[in-house]
Structures are given as structure tokens and as C-alpha cells.
Amino acid sequence: MERYGLSGGKLIYENPLSCEKDIEDFVLEGRAAISFPEGKMRLENAMAAENGQKANYVLWCPEEFPADVCIEWDFRPLREPGLAMMFFAAKGRNGEDLFDEGLAKRTGEYPQYHHGDINAFHISYFRRKEPDERAFHTCNLRKSYGFYLTSQGGDPIPDVEDAQGFYRIGVVKKGPDVFFYINELEIFHFADDGQTWGPLLGGGKIGFRQLAPMIGEYANLRVYEI
């Protein structure tokens, strides 16, 4: 039976993220401790948070996705402070595959992703790293190359002590538009004019990023073509 996401798109990729085999082809940049207690993918830093950016990491799905997609996954925060992020539409700045050997090596340090050899969107959510983020919770959409903050909305996910189970996260990218949802509540909508923040981004890869010392769990990754 065909399955459809928030946007009505057709399911083209599904991964329960329930065991090591599910991510055997994923690409980890940086160091992370990845485990699967109770059949959910748990991400936590392998280096002490005192190492700063060197303690952070990105876990890439190896699939190449089209330009117009809906991406959905389940997320549960287990330890804060920290931050969770999703990269999407990620490619080399000249259209190369994200893992092209001609691109500079990436090791999880943030400047490599917003001022390096790649273009991408990235949404940061459950932002509990800096004092201002803990005091006023937002979800941010940035576009790179360039680290442009293009849209922002309130984060409805409570702090760890009050979080109840998993939250369904959704990203819809269609043409110039990007929508972000949590439990089907629209958090923001960004309409890209293709000039102010650089050319429109097309297809590419998706990846999970966390900032130490956060621990989070993920499950039921699905991508739909719109």
C-alpha cells in the first residue's frame, strides 16, 4: 500500500533506525557513541563536551534525494544541554555528490558545514546549548554556503524533564518553499527568492547532527517525493 507524508508525497525511503544494520551504510563525520536501546537509535558524543566543536558530529544518510521532498522522523530528547539539527538538500557547492573525494574532509566542526565546500539547508531544533537558547526556545532554519538565518519559529518541545515520549518532526521542501512541523504543528515557512540567500537549492543528502553533551533518540525516518 502506498504511504504519504505531510505533503501528500509518495514514500521513497523508509528506515526504522532500530538496529546497527539499519545504519550500516550511513556516514559518520566526527566521533559519536551510537547505540540502539529498545530499538531506537541513540546518539551521544564520544568526546568530552569540553572539546567544543570537536565533540560534535554529523550522521549522514547515504541516499540522494530529489529537490521536492517531505522528510519525517521521530525524536526524543534524553539529556541536555545540547542541540539537535537536520541537514537536507546537501551537495558540494559546484553540484558534486556530498561524499566526492574532491571536497574538503569534514569532521563534525560546524564551520566546515556553513563555510566549507557544501551547500545545504539546516534546521536546528531542541536548542538548549547556550543560556539564551535555554531561556527562549526557538527552531532556526539556516541556508549555507553563508550561514544565513532565513526563518525562525517557537519550539514546542519541552525540556527533557517534561518531555513525553517521541515527537514527530517534519520538513517539507517544495520549489522555493520550506516548511517545518513538530507533531504536525507548523513552526515556520520560508519562501526562498533564489537571490538574497544565494541560488535555490535542489536535491541532495540528509543528515542528523547533535551538539555535545546532548543525548537524543531517533526512529522511523521516512522520505516522500512530492
Protein backbone atom coordinates (compact mmCIF):
# COMPACT_ATOMS: atom_id res chain seq x y z
CA MET A 1 0.00 0.00 0.00
CA GLU A 2 1.33 3.45 -0.89
CA ARG A 3 2.09 5.74 2.03
CA TYR A 4 2.00 9.50 2.04
CA GLY A 5 3.56 12.17 4.24
CA LEU A 6 2.51 15.63 5.41
CA SER A 7 2.72 16.94 1.87
CA GLY A 8 0.83 14.10 0.23
CA GLY A 9 4.06 12.87 -1.36
CA LYS A 10 4.76 9.22 -2.14
CA LEU A 11 7.08 7.26 0.16
CA ILE A 12 10.51 6.69 -1.48
CA TYR A 13 12.68 5.83 1.56
CA GLU A 14 11.96 4.28 4.94
CA ASN A 15 14.32 3.34 7.75
CA PRO A 16 13.20 2.37 11.29
CA LEU A 17 16.63 3.28 12.74
CA SER A 18 16.14 0.34 15.07
CA CYS A 19 19.48 -1.50 14.95
CA GLU A 20 23.06 -1.23 13.76
CA LYS A 21 22.23 -2.91 10.44
CA ASP A 22 19.79 -0.10 9.62
CA ILE A 23 22.64 2.41 9.51
CA GLU A 24 25.49 0.23 8.24
CA ASP A 25 25.80 2.43 5.13
CA PHE A 26 25.42 5.75 6.96
CA VAL A 27 28.44 8.06 7.09
CA LEU A 28 29.59 9.47 10.43
CA GLU A 29 31.67 12.66 10.42
CA GLY A 30 33.28 13.24 13.78
CA ARG A 31 33.04 10.85 16.71
CA ALA A 32 29.81 9.63 18.30
CA ALA A 33 28.57 6.83 20.52
CA ILE A 34 25.66 5.22 18.68
CA SER A 35 23.50 2.57 20.35
CA PHE A 36 20.02 1.10 19.94
CA PRO A 37 18.39 0.56 23.33
CA GLU A 38 14.77 -0.55 22.95
CA GLY A 39 15.10 -0.49 19.17
CA LYS A 40 15.69 3.27 18.80
CA MET A 41 18.84 4.98 17.53
CA ARG A 42 20.52 6.81 20.40
CA LEU A 43 23.15 9.45 19.60
CA GLU A 44 25.60 10.86 22.12
CA ASN A 45 29.05 12.39 21.97
CA ALA A 46 32.12 10.16 22.21
CA MET A 47 34.40 13.08 23.13
CA ALA A 48 34.01 15.30 26.18
CA ALA A 49 31.93 18.43 25.60
CA GLU A 50 34.90 20.48 26.82
CA ASN A 51 36.47 19.81 23.39
CA GLY A 52 33.98 22.26 21.90
CA GLN A 53 33.20 21.82 18.21
CA LYS A 54 35.49 18.79 18.01
CA ALA A 55 32.98 16.90 20.21
CA ASN A 56 30.12 17.42 17.73
CA TYR A 57 29.27 15.21 14.76
CA VAL A 58 27.02 14.59 11.77
CA LEU A 59 25.49 11.25 10.74
CA TRP A 60 24.56 11.22 7.04
CA CYS A 61 22.04 9.02 5.31
CA PRO A 62 23.80 7.79 2.12
CA GLU A 63 20.76 8.20 -0.16
CA GLU A 64 20.47 11.02 -2.69
CA PHE A 65 17.03 12.61 -2.56
CA PRO A 66 15.18 14.77 -5.10
CA ALA A 67 14.62 18.51 -4.73
CA ASP A 68 10.96 18.30 -3.66
CA VAL A 69 10.60 16.10 -0.60
CA CYS A 70 8.93 15.61 2.74
CA ILE A 71 11.26 14.28 5.47
CA GLU A 72 9.80 12.87 8.70
CA TRP A 73 11.34 11.26 11.78
CA ASP A 74 10.63 10.66 15.47
CA PHE A 75 12.77 12.41 18.07
CA ARG A 76 13.09 12.18 21.83
CA PRO A 77 15.47 14.32 23.94
CA LEU A 78 17.11 12.44 26.80
CA ARG A 79 19.84 14.76 28.09
CA GLU A 80 20.53 18.46 27.83
CA PRO A 81 22.17 20.93 27.29
CA GLY A 82 22.86 20.49 23.61
CA LEU A 83 21.17 20.88 20.26
CA ALA A 84 19.69 18.69 17.53
CA MET A 85 19.87 19.55 13.84
CA MET A 86 18.81 18.18 10.45
CA PHE A 87 20.74 18.90 7.25
CA PHE A 88 18.95 18.49 3.92
CA ALA A 89 19.50 19.32 0.23
CA ALA A 90 23.21 18.89 0.94
CA LYS A 91 25.62 18.85 -2.02
CA GLY A 92 29.01 20.18 -3.00
CA ARG A 93 28.97 23.88 -3.90
CA ASN A 94 29.53 23.01 -7.56
CA GLY A 95 26.92 20.27 -7.60
CA GLU A 96 29.24 17.44 -6.51
CA ASP A 97 27.99 14.49 -4.52
CA LEU A 98 28.34 15.23 -0.82
CA PHE A 99 30.97 12.50 -0.47
CA ASP A 100 33.02 13.46 -3.53
CA GLU A 101 36.70 12.94 -2.74
CA GLY A 102 37.47 16.39 -4.13
CA LEU A 103 35.62 18.10 -1.27
CA ALA A 104 37.45 19.06 1.91
CA LYS A 105 37.28 16.49 4.69
CA ARG A 106 34.60 17.17 7.30
CA THR A 107 34.97 16.14 10.94
CA GLY A 108 31.84 17.50 12.62
CA GLU A 109 33.06 21.02 13.34
CA TYR A 110 30.31 23.45 12.38
CA PRO A 111 32.24 25.96 10.18
CA GLN A 112 33.04 23.09 7.79
CA TYR A 113 29.33 22.85 7.02
CA HIS A 114 28.32 26.50 6.69
CA HIS A 115 31.52 27.97 5.26
CA GLY A 116 33.09 24.91 3.66
CA ASP A 117 32.71 23.11 0.34
CA ILE A 118 29.00 22.35 0.57
CA ASN A 119 25.58 23.93 0.19
CA ALA A 120 22.71 22.84 2.42
CA PHE A 121 19.73 23.82 4.50
CA HIS A 122 19.91 23.01 8.18
CA ILE A 123 17.23 23.24 10.83
CA SER A 124 18.30 23.41 14.46
CA TYR A 125 15.61 22.38 16.92
CA PHE A 126 15.62 21.49 20.60
CA ARG A 127 18.21 24.22 21.07
CA ARG A 128 19.38 24.02 24.69
CA LYS A 129 23.09 24.82 24.35
CA GLU A 130 23.71 28.48 25.15
CA PRO A 131 21.99 30.35 28.03
CA ASP A 132 19.83 32.42 25.66
CA GLU A 133 18.68 29.23 23.88
CA ARG A 134 17.66 27.64 27.18
CA ALA A 135 15.77 30.78 28.21
CA PHE A 136 13.85 31.22 24.94
CA HIS A 137 13.30 28.13 22.79
CA THR A 138 13.30 28.53 19.01
CA CYS A 139 13.79 26.41 15.89
CA ASN A 140 16.08 28.02 13.29
CA LEU A 141 16.44 27.46 9.55
CA ARG A 142 19.80 28.38 8.04
CA LYS A 143 20.96 28.24 4.46
CA SER A 144 24.58 27.66 3.50
CA TYR A 145 27.01 28.35 2.00
CA GLY A 146 26.85 31.51 4.07
CA PHE A 147 25.19 30.72 7.42
CA TYR A 148 22.08 32.76 6.57
CA LEU A 149 19.37 32.69 9.23
CA THR A 150 16.34 32.59 6.94
CA SER A 151 13.47 31.64 9.24
CA GLN A 152 12.64 31.03 12.88
CA GLY A 153 9.74 29.78 14.98
CA GLY A 154 8.91 28.80 18.54
CA ASP A 155 9.94 25.33 19.74
CA PRO A 156 7.01 23.46 21.38
CA ILE A 157 9.13 20.56 22.68
CA PRO A 158 9.51 20.86 26.47
CA ASP A 159 12.75 20.39 28.36
CA VAL A 160 13.90 16.83 28.99
CA GLU A 161 12.28 16.54 32.42
CA ASP A 162 8.86 17.31 30.95
CA ALA A 163 9.18 15.63 27.53
CA GLN A 164 6.71 12.83 26.97
CA GLY A 165 7.89 10.16 24.56
CA PHE A 166 8.74 10.88 20.93
CA TYR A 167 7.87 13.95 18.89
CA ARG A 168 7.18 13.68 15.14
CA ILE A 169 9.37 16.07 13.19
CA GLY A 170 8.59 17.03 9.59
CA VAL A 171 10.33 19.05 6.88
CA VAL A 172 8.68 19.85 3.55
CA LYS A 173 10.84 21.32 0.78
CA LYS A 174 8.97 22.11 -2.43
CA GLY A 175 10.24 24.53 -5.05
CA PRO A 176 11.29 27.71 -3.23
CA ASP A 177 9.37 26.83 -0.04
CA VAL A 178 10.49 25.13 3.17
CA PHE A 179 8.01 24.21 5.92
CA PHE A 180 8.89 22.81 9.35
CA TYR A 181 6.50 20.89 11.60
CA ILE A 182 6.53 19.29 15.04
CA ASN A 183 3.63 16.92 15.71
CA GLU A 184 2.02 18.38 12.55
CA LEU A 185 2.08 21.90 14.04
CA GLU A 186 3.63 24.32 11.53
CA ILE A 187 6.59 26.04 13.16
CA PHE A 188 7.72 28.19 10.23
CA HIS A 189 7.53 28.65 6.46
CA PHE A 190 10.38 30.08 4.40
CA ALA A 191 9.95 31.25 0.79
CA ASP A 192 13.35 31.49 -0.92
CA ASP A 193 13.65 34.14 -3.63
CA GLY A 194 16.78 32.47 -5.04
CA GLN A 195 18.82 35.67 -4.75
CA THR A 196 19.00 37.15 -1.24
CA TRP A 197 20.42 33.97 0.31
CA GLY A 198 22.02 32.51 -2.83
CA PRO A 199 20.54 30.31 -5.58
CA LEU A 200 17.73 27.86 -4.88
CA LEU A 201 18.93 24.51 -3.57
CA GLY A 202 17.87 21.31 -5.30
CA GLY A 203 18.20 17.69 -4.22
CA GLY A 204 20.87 16.19 -2.03
CA LYS A 205 21.53 14.24 1.13
CA ILE A 206 20.14 14.48 4.67
CA GLY A 207 21.97 14.13 7.96
CA PHE A 208 21.47 14.24 11.72
CA ARG A 209 23.70 16.48 13.85
CA GLN A 210 23.96 16.82 17.63
CA LEU A 211 25.94 19.13 19.88
CA ALA A 212 27.58 17.67 22.98
CA PRO A 213 26.67 16.78 25.65
CA MET A 214 23.14 16.15 24.40
CA ILE A 215 21.69 12.65 24.13
CA GLY A 216 18.76 12.09 21.78
CA GLU A 217 16.91 9.16 20.26
CA TYR A 218 15.61 8.84 16.69
CA ALA A 219 13.28 6.44 14.90
CA ASN A 220 11.09 5.93 11.83
CA LEU A 221 12.90 8.04 9.24
CA ARG A 222 10.77 8.43 6.11
CA VAL A 223 11.25 10.49 2.97
CA TYR A 224 8.46 11.20 0.50
CA GLU A 225 8.79 12.59 -3.00
CA ILE A 226 6.38 15.43 -3.65
